[in-house]
Amino acid sequence: MAVTLRFRRLEPFGVEVSHDLSRPLAPSLAYHFGELLREHGVLAVPGQVLSEEALAALCALRPGTQARSAPHDATGTIRLTQANGDVLAWPWQAGGVIFWDGDQVQA
């Protein structure tokens, strides 16, 4: 049985992941991280604070991946747009991180 990241779909695109990404991912989880980005374009992780090193390592799992961390006192919404014009509005949460495939989605 393959080990995968637990996630829920966001509308109109993207997924929200429930996994501690502050530690290096096992190979099967690293693969699933990249596949989720490829398939859904956006991977949101609420409530986590990641080091610059962890962000860089996760972005390196799939070429073209970009990321943004929410400031600790963040409020508001980040908007990401797919090439077809669909817009994902994700509420910033203190410590949240969002990854997107730069070939599919624009911030």
PDB file of N, CA and C in Angstrom:
ATOM      1  N   MET A   1       0.847  -1.176   0.000  1.00  0.00           N
ATOM      2  CA  MET A   1       0.000   0.000   0.000  1.00  0.00           C
ATOM      3  C   MET A   1       0.896   1.245   0.000  1.00  0.00           C
ATOM      4  N   ALA A   2       0.628   2.146  -0.914  1.00  0.00           N
ATOM      5  CA  ALA A   2       1.412   3.374  -1.021  1.00  0.00           C
ATOM      6  C   ALA A   2       1.015   4.363   0.081  1.00  0.00           C
ATOM      7  N   VAL A   3       2.000   5.072   0.576  1.00  0.00           N
ATOM      8  CA  VAL A   3       1.748   6.104   1.572  1.00  0.00           C
ATOM      9  C   VAL A   3       1.520   7.413   0.827  1.00  0.00           C
ATOM     10  N   THR A   4       0.429   8.113   1.163  1.00  0.00           N
ATOM     11  CA  THR A   4       0.102   9.356   0.482  1.00  0.00           C
ATOM     12  C   THR A   4      -0.194  10.447   1.496  1.00  0.00           C
ATOM     13  N   LEU A   5      -0.188  11.679   1.013  1.00  0.00           N
ATOM     14  CA  LEU A   5      -0.548  12.824   1.838  1.00  0.00           C
ATOM     15  C   LEU A   5      -2.068  12.905   1.940  1.00  0.00           C
ATOM     16  N   ARG A   6      -2.559  13.216   3.124  1.00  0.00           N
ATOM     17  CA  ARG A   6      -3.998  13.405   3.300  1.00  0.00           C
ATOM     18  C   ARG A   6      -4.347  14.807   2.812  1.00  0.00           C
ATOM     19  N   PHE A   7      -5.391  14.911   2.003  1.00  0.00           N
ATOM     20  CA  PHE A   7      -5.759  16.217   1.456  1.00  0.00           C
ATOM     21  C   PHE A   7      -7.252  16.297   1.230  1.00  0.00           C
ATOM     22  N   ARG A   8      -7.719  17.538   1.045  1.00  0.00           N
ATOM     23  CA  ARG A   8      -9.102  17.771   0.628  1.00  0.00           C
ATOM     24  C   ARG A   8      -9.064  18.753  -0.534  1.00  0.00           C
ATOM     25  N   ARG A   9      -9.989  18.600  -1.437  1.00  0.00           N
ATOM     26  CA  ARG A   9     -10.046  19.464  -2.615  1.00  0.00           C
ATOM     27  C   ARG A   9     -10.566  20.845  -2.248  1.00  0.00           C
ATOM     28  N   LEU A  10     -10.007  21.845  -2.916  1.00  0.00           N
ATOM     29  CA  LEU A  10     -10.480  23.220  -2.811  1.00  0.00           C
ATOM     30  C   LEU A  10     -11.238  23.547  -4.092  1.00  0.00           C
ATOM     31  N   GLU A  11     -12.139  24.468  -4.024  1.00  0.00           N
ATOM     32  CA  GLU A  11     -12.885  24.895  -5.215  1.00  0.00           C
ATOM     33  C   GLU A  11     -12.468  26.303  -5.598  1.00  0.00           C
ATOM     34  N   PRO A  12     -12.244  26.595  -6.862  1.00  0.00           N
ATOM     35  CA  PRO A  12     -12.482  25.754  -8.031  1.00  0.00           C
ATOM     36  C   PRO A  12     -11.300  24.864  -8.399  1.00  0.00           C
ATOM     37  N   PHE A  13     -10.154  25.003  -7.729  1.00  0.00           N
ATOM     38  CA  PHE A  13      -9.007  24.133  -8.006  1.00  0.00           C
ATOM     39  C   PHE A  13      -8.088  24.150  -6.790  1.00  0.00           C
ATOM     40  N   GLY A  14      -7.181  23.201  -6.741  1.00  0.00           N
ATOM     41  CA  GLY A  14      -6.220  23.120  -5.641  1.00  0.00           C
ATOM     42  C   GLY A  14      -6.631  22.109  -4.586  1.00  0.00           C
ATOM     43  N   VAL A  15      -5.691  21.859  -3.654  1.00  0.00           N
ATOM     44  CA  VAL A  15      -5.940  20.966  -2.526  1.00  0.00           C
ATOM     45  C   VAL A  15      -5.347  21.590  -1.267  1.00  0.00           C
ATOM     46  N   GLU A  16      -5.931  21.215  -0.130  1.00  0.00           N
ATOM     47  CA  GLU A  16      -5.402  21.602   1.168  1.00  0.00           C
ATOM     48  C   GLU A  16      -4.867  20.335   1.825  1.00  0.00           C
ATOM     49  N   VAL A  17      -3.608  20.371   2.243  1.00  0.00           N
ATOM     50  CA  VAL A  17      -2.922  19.192   2.773  1.00  0.00           C
ATOM     51  C   VAL A  17      -2.853  19.258   4.294  1.00  0.00           C
ATOM     52  N   SER A  18      -3.095  18.111   4.928  1.00  0.00           N
ATOM     53  CA  SER A  18      -2.972  17.968   6.379  1.00  0.00           C
ATOM     54  C   SER A  18      -1.782  17.060   6.658  1.00  0.00           C
ATOM     55  N   HIS A  19      -0.602  17.648   6.711  1.00  0.00           N
ATOM     56  CA  HIS A  19       0.619  16.872   6.977  1.00  0.00           C
ATOM     57  C   HIS A  19       1.693  17.834   7.469  1.00  0.00           C
ATOM     58  N   ASP A  20       2.504  17.395   8.404  1.00  0.00           N
ATOM     59  CA  ASP A  20       3.611  18.213   8.901  1.00  0.00           C
ATOM     60  C   ASP A  20       4.705  18.241   7.839  1.00  0.00           C
ATOM     61  N   LEU A  21       4.838  19.391   7.169  1.00  0.00           N
ATOM     62  CA  LEU A  21       5.840  19.528   6.110  1.00  0.00           C
ATOM     63  C   LEU A  21       7.152  20.136   6.608  1.00  0.00           C
ATOM     64  N   SER A  22       7.289  20.303   7.912  1.00  0.00           N
ATOM     65  CA  SER A  22       8.523  20.882   8.446  1.00  0.00           C
ATOM     66  C   SER A  22       9.677  19.879   8.445  1.00  0.00           C
ATOM     67  N   ARG A  23       9.369  18.615   8.277  1.00  0.00           N
ATOM     68  CA  ARG A  23      10.394  17.574   8.230  1.00  0.00           C
ATOM     69  C   ARG A  23      10.498  17.035   6.807  1.00  0.00           C
ATOM     70  N   PRO A  24      11.665  16.516   6.438  1.00  0.00           N
ATOM     71  CA  PRO A  24      11.816  15.945   5.093  1.00  0.00           C
ATOM     72  C   PRO A  24      10.775  14.845   4.844  1.00  0.00           C
ATOM     73  N   LEU A  25      10.260  14.811   3.626  1.00  0.00           N
ATOM     74  CA  LEU A  25       9.257  13.813   3.262  1.00  0.00           C
ATOM     75  C   LEU A  25       9.918  12.519   2.817  1.00  0.00           C
ATOM     76  N   ALA A  26       9.305  11.409   3.180  1.00  0.00           N
ATOM     77  CA  ALA A  26       9.733  10.108   2.666  1.00  0.00           C
ATOM     78  C   ALA A  26       9.562  10.129   1.149  1.00  0.00           C
ATOM     79  N   PRO A  27      10.299   9.300   0.417  1.00  0.00           N
ATOM     80  CA  PRO A  27      10.214   9.319  -1.047  1.00  0.00           C
ATOM     81  C   PRO A  27       8.793   9.210  -1.605  1.00  0.00           C
ATOM     82  N   SER A  28       7.965   8.335  -1.035  1.00  0.00           N
ATOM     83  CA  SER A  28       6.597   8.190  -1.562  1.00  0.00           C
ATOM     84  C   SER A  28       5.778   9.451  -1.311  1.00  0.00           C
ATOM     85  N   LEU A  29       5.987  10.104  -0.180  1.00  0.00           N
ATOM     86  CA  LEU A  29       5.266  11.345   0.115  1.00  0.00           C
ATOM     87  C   LEU A  29       5.776  12.493  -0.751  1.00  0.00           C
ATOM     88  N   ALA A  30       7.087  12.533  -0.999  1.00  0.00           N
ATOM     89  CA  ALA A  30       7.651  13.565  -1.872  1.00  0.00           C
ATOM     90  C   ALA A  30       7.079  13.418  -3.281  1.00  0.00           C
ATOM     91  N   TYR A  31       6.964  12.184  -3.751  1.00  0.00           N
ATOM     92  CA  TYR A  31       6.365  11.939  -5.067  1.00  0.00           C
ATOM     93  C   TYR A  31       4.914  12.419  -5.083  1.00  0.00           C
ATOM     94  N   HIS A  32       4.152  12.081  -4.054  1.00  0.00           N
ATOM     95  CA  HIS A  32       2.742  12.472  -3.988  1.00  0.00           C
ATOM     96  C   HIS A  32       2.601  13.988  -3.930  1.00  0.00           C
ATOM     97  N   PHE A  33       3.488  14.676  -3.209  1.00  0.00           N
ATOM     98  CA  PHE A  33       3.491  16.146  -3.157  1.00  0.00           C
ATOM     99  C   PHE A  33       3.587  16.702  -4.584  1.00  0.00           C
ATOM    100  N   GLY A  34       4.551  16.218  -5.353  1.00  0.00           N
ATOM    101  CA  GLY A  34       4.727  16.677  -6.729  1.00  0.00           C
ATOM    102  C   GLY A  34       3.532  16.345  -7.609  1.00  0.00           C
ATOM    103  N   GLU A  35       2.958  15.170  -7.435  1.00  0.00           N
ATOM    104  CA  GLU A  35       1.802  14.772  -8.233  1.00  0.00           C
ATOM    105  C   GLU A  35       0.571  15.607  -7.896  1.00  0.00           C
ATOM    106  N   LEU A  36       0.386  15.936  -6.620  1.00  0.00           N
ATOM    107  CA  LEU A  36      -0.741  16.804  -6.244  1.00  0.00           C
ATOM    108  C   LEU A  36      -0.603  18.176  -6.908  1.00  0.00           C
ATOM    109  N   LEU A  37       0.613  18.718  -6.921  1.00  0.00           N
ATOM    110  CA  LEU A  37       0.825  20.005  -7.588  1.00  0.00           C
ATOM    111  C   LEU A  37       0.570  19.904  -9.087  1.00  0.00           C
ATOM    112  N   ARG A  38       1.055  18.838  -9.702  1.00  0.00           N
ATOM    113  CA  ARG A  38       0.858  18.657 -11.133  1.00  0.00           C
ATOM    114  C   ARG A  38      -0.627  18.552 -11.467  1.00  0.00           C
ATOM    115  N   GLU A  39      -1.344  17.777 -10.679  1.00  0.00           N
ATOM    116  CA  GLU A  39      -2.757  17.518 -10.968  1.00  0.00           C
ATOM    117  C   GLU A  39      -3.672  18.686 -10.597  1.00  0.00           C
ATOM    118  N   HIS A  40      -3.389  19.370  -9.482  1.00  0.00           N
ATOM    119  CA  HIS A  40      -4.316  20.380  -8.956  1.00  0.00           C
ATOM    120  C   HIS A  40      -3.805  21.814  -9.060  1.00  0.00           C
ATOM    121  N   GLY A  41      -2.513  22.009  -9.300  1.00  0.00           N
ATOM    122  CA  GLY A  41      -1.958  23.349  -9.489  1.00  0.00           C
ATOM    123  C   GLY A  41      -1.618  24.099  -8.221  1.00  0.00           C
ATOM    124  N   VAL A  42      -2.333  23.833  -7.125  1.00  0.00           N
ATOM    125  CA  VAL A  42      -2.120  24.544  -5.856  1.00  0.00           C
ATOM    126  C   VAL A  42      -2.182  23.545  -4.713  1.00  0.00           C
ATOM    127  N   LEU A  43      -1.258  23.721  -3.760  1.00  0.00           N
ATOM    128  CA  LEU A  43      -1.228  22.905  -2.558  1.00  0.00           C
ATOM    129  C   LEU A  43      -1.140  23.864  -1.376  1.00  0.00           C
ATOM    130  N   ALA A  44      -2.207  23.950  -0.589  1.00  0.00           N
ATOM    131  CA  ALA A  44      -2.264  24.852   0.561  1.00  0.00           C
ATOM    132  C   ALA A  44      -2.069  24.064   1.849  1.00  0.00           C
ATOM    133  N   VAL A  45      -1.303  24.644   2.775  1.00  0.00           N
ATOM    134  CA  VAL A  45      -1.020  23.985   4.046  1.00  0.00           C
ATOM    135  C   VAL A  45      -1.309  24.987   5.166  1.00  0.00           C
ATOM    136  N   PRO A  46      -2.470  24.879   5.798  1.00  0.00           N
ATOM    137  CA  PRO A  46      -2.816  25.844   6.843  1.00  0.00           C
ATOM    138  C   PRO A  46      -2.059  25.604   8.143  1.00  0.00           C
ATOM    139  N   GLY A  47      -1.804  26.704   8.859  1.00  0.00           N
ATOM    140  CA  GLY A  47      -1.297  26.620  10.217  1.00  0.00           C
ATOM    141  C   GLY A  47       0.124  26.128  10.400  1.00  0.00           C
ATOM    142  N   GLN A  48       0.964  26.167   9.378  1.00  0.00           N
ATOM    143  CA  GLN A  48       2.343  25.714   9.538  1.00  0.00           C
ATOM    144  C   GLN A  48       3.324  26.830   9.242  1.00  0.00           C
ATOM    145  N   VAL A  49       4.406  26.818   9.982  1.00  0.00           N
ATOM    146  CA  VAL A  49       5.516  27.732   9.741  1.00  0.00           C
ATOM    147  C   VAL A  49       6.682  26.873   9.261  1.00  0.00           C
ATOM    148  N   LEU A  50       7.182  27.169   8.062  1.00  0.00           N
ATOM    149  CA  LEU A  50       8.283  26.394   7.498  1.00  0.00           C
ATOM    150  C   LEU A  50       9.515  27.276   7.354  1.00  0.00           C
ATOM    151  N   SER A  51      10.677  26.702   7.601  1.00  0.00           N
ATOM    152  CA  SER A  51      11.933  27.424   7.415  1.00  0.00           C
ATOM    153  C   SER A  51      12.151  27.670   5.926  1.00  0.00           C
ATOM    154  N   GLU A  52      13.041  28.604   5.618  1.00  0.00           N
ATOM    155  CA  GLU A  52      13.388  28.857   4.216  1.00  0.00           C
ATOM    156  C   GLU A  52      13.964  27.596   3.577  1.00  0.00           C
ATOM    157  N   GLU A  53      14.720  26.827   4.347  1.00  0.00           N
ATOM    158  CA  GLU A  53      15.300  25.590   3.840  1.00  0.00           C
ATOM    159  C   GLU A  53      14.213  24.574   3.495  1.00  0.00           C
ATOM    160  N   ALA A  54      13.212  24.444   4.377  1.00  0.00           N
ATOM    161  CA  ALA A  54      12.115  23.503   4.119  1.00  0.00           C
ATOM    162  C   ALA A  54      11.316  23.937   2.893  1.00  0.00           C
ATOM    163  N   LEU A  55      11.050  25.247   2.770  1.00  0.00           N
ATOM    164  CA  LEU A  55      10.340  25.750   1.589  1.00  0.00           C
ATOM    165  C   LEU A  55      11.115  25.440   0.315  1.00  0.00           C
ATOM    166  N   ALA A  56      12.421  25.702   0.338  1.00  0.00           N
ATOM    167  CA  ALA A  56      13.255  25.449  -0.846  1.00  0.00           C
ATOM    168  C   ALA A  56      13.270  23.963  -1.201  1.00  0.00           C
ATOM    169  N   ALA A  57      13.372  23.103  -0.192  1.00  0.00           N
ATOM    170  CA  ALA A  57      13.395  21.654  -0.446  1.00  0.00           C
ATOM    171  C   ALA A  57      12.076  21.184  -1.050  1.00  0.00           C
ATOM    172  N   LEU A  58      10.957  21.696  -0.557  1.00  0.00           N
ATOM    173  CA  LEU A  58       9.660  21.304  -1.092  1.00  0.00           C
ATOM    174  C   LEU A  58       9.461  21.842  -2.504  1.00  0.00           C
ATOM    175  N   CYS A  59       9.880  23.069  -2.756  1.00  0.00           N
ATOM    176  CA  CYS A  59       9.764  23.641  -4.103  1.00  0.00           C
ATOM    177  C   CYS A  59      10.617  22.870  -5.101  1.00  0.00           C
ATOM    178  N   ALA A  60      11.738  22.318  -4.639  1.00  0.00           N
ATOM    179  CA  ALA A  60      12.634  21.572  -5.523  1.00  0.00           C
ATOM    180  C   ALA A  60      12.053  20.217  -5.945  1.00  0.00           C
ATOM    181  N   LEU A  61      10.999  19.768  -5.292  1.00  0.00           N
ATOM    182  CA  LEU A  61      10.403  18.478  -5.639  1.00  0.00           C
ATOM    183  C   LEU A  61       9.730  18.496  -7.003  1.00  0.00           C
ATOM    184  N   ARG A  62       9.321  19.678  -7.454  1.00  0.00           N
ATOM    185  CA  ARG A  62       8.689  19.814  -8.776  1.00  0.00           C
ATOM    186  C   ARG A  62       9.160  21.113  -9.403  1.00  0.00           C
ATOM    187  N   PRO A  63       9.870  21.047 -10.515  1.00  0.00           N
ATOM    188  CA  PRO A  63      10.362  22.264 -11.169  1.00  0.00           C
ATOM    189  C   PRO A  63       9.207  23.239 -11.450  1.00  0.00           C
ATOM    190  N   GLY A  64       9.476  24.516 -11.219  1.00  0.00           N
ATOM    191  CA  GLY A  64       8.474  25.550 -11.452  1.00  0.00           C
ATOM    192  C   GLY A  64       7.597  25.852 -10.254  1.00  0.00           C
ATOM    193  N   THR A  65       7.801  25.121  -9.150  1.00  0.00           N
ATOM    194  CA  THR A  65       6.986  25.340  -7.957  1.00  0.00           C
ATOM    195  C   THR A  65       7.385  26.643  -7.281  1.00  0.00           C
ATOM    196  N   GLN A  66       6.383  27.400  -6.890  1.00  0.00           N
ATOM    197  CA  GLN A  66       6.577  28.628  -6.135  1.00  0.00           C
ATOM    198  C   GLN A  66       5.831  28.494  -4.821  1.00  0.00           C
ATOM    199  N   ALA A  67       6.232  29.285  -3.828  1.00  0.00           N
ATOM    200  CA  ALA A  67       5.589  29.192  -2.516  1.00  0.00           C
ATOM    201  C   ALA A  67       5.561  30.557  -1.851  1.00  0.00           C
ATOM    202  N   ARG A  68       4.609  30.700  -0.965  1.00  0.00           N
ATOM    203  CA  ARG A  68       4.515  31.913  -0.155  1.00  0.00           C
ATOM    204  C   ARG A  68       4.042  31.509   1.234  1.00  0.00           C
ATOM    205  N   SER A  69       4.714  32.038   2.256  1.00  0.00           N
ATOM    206  CA  SER A  69       4.319  31.812   3.644  1.00  0.00           C
ATOM    207  C   SER A  69       3.537  33.015   4.136  1.00  0.00           C
ATOM    208  N   ALA A  70       2.506  32.741   4.910  1.00  0.00           N
ATOM    209  CA  ALA A  70       1.738  33.825   5.507  1.00  0.00           C
ATOM    210  C   ALA A  70       2.524  34.390   6.684  1.00  0.00           C
ATOM    211  N   PRO A  71       2.540  35.710   6.837  1.00  0.00           N
ATOM    212  CA  PRO A  71       3.148  36.291   8.038  1.00  0.00           C
ATOM    213  C   PRO A  71       2.427  35.778   9.282  1.00  0.00           C
ATOM    214  N   HIS A  72       3.107  35.817  10.417  1.00  0.00           N
ATOM    215  CA  HIS A  72       2.533  35.301  11.669  1.00  0.00           C
ATOM    216  C   HIS A  72       1.253  36.032  12.065  1.00  0.00           C
ATOM    217  N   ASP A  73       1.109  37.283  11.667  1.00  0.00           N
ATOM    218  CA  ASP A  73      -0.082  38.061  12.016  1.00  0.00           C
ATOM    219  C   ASP A  73      -0.996  38.235  10.802  1.00  0.00           C
ATOM    220  N   ALA A  74      -0.953  37.279   9.903  1.00  0.00           N
ATOM    221  CA  ALA A  74      -1.655  37.400   8.623  1.00  0.00           C
ATOM    222  C   ALA A  74      -3.167  37.348   8.787  1.00  0.00           C
ATOM    223  N   THR A  75      -3.803  38.160   8.013  1.00  0.00           N
ATOM    224  CA  THR A  75      -5.246  38.078   7.812  1.00  0.00           C
ATOM    225  C   THR A  75      -5.481  38.442   6.360  1.00  0.00           C
ATOM    226  N   GLY A  76      -6.568  38.006   5.827  1.00  0.00           N
ATOM    227  CA  GLY A  76      -6.865  38.329   4.443  1.00  0.00           C
ATOM    228  C   GLY A  76      -6.903  37.094   3.577  1.00  0.00           C
ATOM    229  N   THR A  77      -6.773  37.322   2.276  1.00  0.00           N
ATOM    230  CA  THR A  77      -6.942  36.257   1.296  1.00  0.00           C
ATOM    231  C   THR A  77      -5.863  36.378   0.230  1.00  0.00           C
ATOM    232  N   ILE A  78      -5.324  35.235  -0.188  1.00  0.00           N
ATOM    233  CA  ILE A  78      -4.437  35.217  -1.347  1.00  0.00           C
ATOM    234  C   ILE A  78      -5.254  34.690  -2.519  1.00  0.00           C
ATOM    235  N   ARG A  79      -5.064  35.311  -3.676  1.00  0.00           N
ATOM    236  CA  ARG A  79      -5.791  34.904  -4.873  1.00  0.00           C
ATOM    237  C   ARG A  79      -4.802  34.372  -5.911  1.00  0.00           C
ATOM    238  N   LEU A  80      -5.113  33.199  -6.433  1.00  0.00           N
ATOM    239  CA  LEU A  80      -4.314  32.568  -7.468  1.00  0.00           C
ATOM    240  C   LEU A  80      -5.221  32.305  -8.665  1.00  0.00           C
ATOM    241  N   THR A  81      -4.687  32.512  -9.867  1.00  0.00           N
ATOM    242  CA  THR A  81      -5.496  32.406 -11.079  1.00  0.00           C
ATOM    243  C   THR A  81      -4.924  31.358 -12.023  1.00  0.00           C
ATOM    244  N   GLN A  82      -5.788  30.467 -12.493  1.00  0.00           N
ATOM    245  CA  GLN A  82      -5.403  29.481 -13.502  1.00  0.00           C
ATOM    246  C   GLN A  82      -5.454  30.136 -14.873  1.00  0.00           C
ATOM    247  N   ALA A  83      -4.826  29.481 -15.844  1.00  0.00           N
ATOM    248  CA  ALA A  83      -4.797  29.993 -17.212  1.00  0.00           C
ATOM    249  C   ALA A  83      -6.204  30.149 -17.792  1.00  0.00           C
ATOM    250  N   ASN A  84      -7.161  29.328 -17.357  1.00  0.00           N
ATOM    251  CA  ASN A  84      -8.533  29.415 -17.876  1.00  0.00           C
ATOM    252  C   ASN A  84      -9.344  30.530 -17.226  1.00  0.00           C
ATOM    253  N   GLY A  85      -8.734  31.265 -16.287  1.00  0.00           N
ATOM    254  CA  GLY A  85      -9.409  32.382 -15.631  1.00  0.00           C
ATOM    255  C   GLY A  85     -10.022  32.059 -14.290  1.00  0.00           C
ATOM    256  N   ASP A  86     -10.101  30.778 -13.912  1.00  0.00           N
ATOM    257  CA  ASP A  86     -10.625  30.433 -12.594  1.00  0.00           C
ATOM    258  C   ASP A  86      -9.736  31.027 -11.510  1.00  0.00           C
ATOM    259  N   VAL A  87     -10.347  31.541 -10.445  1.00  0.00           N
ATOM    260  CA  VAL A  87      -9.610  32.166  -9.355  1.00  0.00           C
ATOM    261  C   VAL A  87      -9.863  31.387  -8.066  1.00  0.00           C
ATOM    262  N   LEU A  88      -8.778  31.024  -7.387  1.00  0.00           N
ATOM    263  CA  LEU A  88      -8.853  30.407  -6.067  1.00  0.00           C
ATOM    264  C   LEU A  88      -8.573  31.503  -5.055  1.00  0.00           C
ATOM    265  N   ALA A  89      -9.492  31.724  -4.128  1.00  0.00           N
ATOM    266  CA  ALA A  89      -9.290  32.675  -3.040  1.00  0.00           C
ATOM    267  C   ALA A  89      -9.131  31.854  -1.762  1.00  0.00           C
ATOM    268  N   TRP A  90      -7.903  31.831  -1.224  1.00  0.00           N
ATOM    269  CA  TRP A  90      -7.608  31.033  -0.027  1.00  0.00           C
ATOM    270  C   TRP A  90      -7.351  31.970   1.128  1.00  0.00           C
ATOM    271  N   PRO A  91      -8.084  31.813   2.242  1.00  0.00           N
ATOM    272  CA  PRO A  91      -7.879  32.713   3.384  1.00  0.00           C
ATOM    273  C   PRO A  91      -6.530  32.452   4.055  1.00  0.00           C
ATOM    274  N   TRP A  92      -5.726  33.519   4.164  1.00  0.00           N
ATOM    275  CA  TRP A  92      -4.454  33.412   4.886  1.00  0.00           C
ATOM    276  C   TRP A  92      -4.751  33.096   6.326  1.00  0.00           C
ATOM    277  N   GLN A  93      -3.995  32.180   6.861  1.00  0.00           N
ATOM    278  CA  GLN A  93      -4.048  31.880   8.276  1.00  0.00           C
ATOM    279  C   GLN A  93      -2.635  32.042   8.805  1.00  0.00           C
ATOM    280  N   ALA A  94      -2.519  32.535  10.015  1.00  0.00           N
ATOM    281  CA  ALA A  94      -1.190  32.720  10.587  1.00  0.00           C
ATOM    282  C   ALA A  94      -0.407  31.421  10.481  1.00  0.00           C
ATOM    283  N   GLY A  95       0.747  31.491   9.856  1.00  0.00           N
ATOM    284  CA  GLY A  95       1.586  30.317   9.698  1.00  0.00           C
ATOM    285  C   GLY A  95       1.247  29.448   8.509  1.00  0.00           C
ATOM    286  N   GLY A  96       0.283  29.828   7.702  1.00  0.00           N
ATOM    287  CA  GLY A  96      -0.070  29.023   6.539  1.00  0.00           C
ATOM    288  C   GLY A  96       0.945  29.168   5.415  1.00  0.00           C
ATOM    289  N   VAL A  97       1.031  28.149   4.579  1.00  0.00           N
ATOM    290  CA  VAL A  97       1.924  28.151   3.419  1.00  0.00           C
ATOM    291  C   VAL A  97       1.110  27.709   2.213  1.00  0.00           C
ATOM    292  N   ILE A  98       1.380  28.318   1.066  1.00  0.00           N
ATOM    293  CA  ILE A  98       0.721  27.901  -0.160  1.00  0.00           C
ATOM    294  C   ILE A  98       1.774  27.705  -1.246  1.00  0.00           C
ATOM    295  N   PHE A  99       1.667  26.588  -1.957  1.00  0.00           N
ATOM    296  CA  PHE A  99       2.564  26.246  -3.063  1.00  0.00           C
ATOM    297  C   PHE A  99       1.736  26.255  -4.335  1.00  0.00           C
ATOM    298  N   TRP A 100       2.343  26.671  -5.441  1.00  0.00           N
ATOM    299  CA  TRP A 100       1.634  26.579  -6.712  1.00  0.00           C
ATOM    300  C   TRP A 100       2.607  26.263  -7.834  1.00  0.00           C
ATOM    301  N   ASP A 101       2.048  25.619  -8.856  1.00  0.00           N
ATOM    302  CA  ASP A 101       2.806  25.276 -10.056  1.00  0.00           C
ATOM    303  C   ASP A 101       2.812  26.529 -10.938  1.00  0.00           C
ATOM    304  N   GLY A 102       3.948  27.152 -11.065  1.00  0.00           N
ATOM    305  CA  GLY A 102       4.068  28.389 -11.814  1.00  0.00           C
ATOM    306  C   GLY A 102       3.752  28.265 -13.296  1.00  0.00           C
ATOM    307  N   ASP A 103       3.724  27.030 -13.807  1.00  0.00           N
ATOM    308  CA  ASP A 103       3.349  26.827 -15.206  1.00  0.00           C
ATOM    309  C   ASP A 103       1.841  26.794 -15.402  1.00  0.00           C
ATOM    310  N   GLN A 104       1.093  26.562 -14.315  1.00  0.00           N
ATOM    311  CA  GLN A 104      -0.352  26.444 -14.403  1.00  0.00           C
ATOM    312  C   GLN A 104      -1.100  27.610 -13.761  1.00  0.00           C
ATOM    313  N   VAL A 105      -0.476  28.246 -12.757  1.00  0.00           N
ATOM    314  CA  VAL A 105      -1.171  29.196 -11.900  1.00  0.00           C
ATOM    315  C   VAL A 105      -0.329  30.446 -11.713  1.00  0.00           C
ATOM    316  N   GLN A 106      -0.982  31.603 -11.643  1.00  0.00           N
ATOM    317  CA  GLN A 106      -0.302  32.876 -11.400  1.00  0.00           C
ATOM    318  C   GLN A 106      -0.808  33.479 -10.097  1.00  0.00           C
ATOM    319  N   ALA A 107       0.109  34.072  -9.345  1.00  0.00           N
ATOM    320  CA  ALA A 107      -0.260  34.737  -8.091  1.00  0.00           C
ATOM    321  C   ALA A 107      -0.650  36.171  -8.371  1.00  0.00           C
TER     322      ALA A 107
END
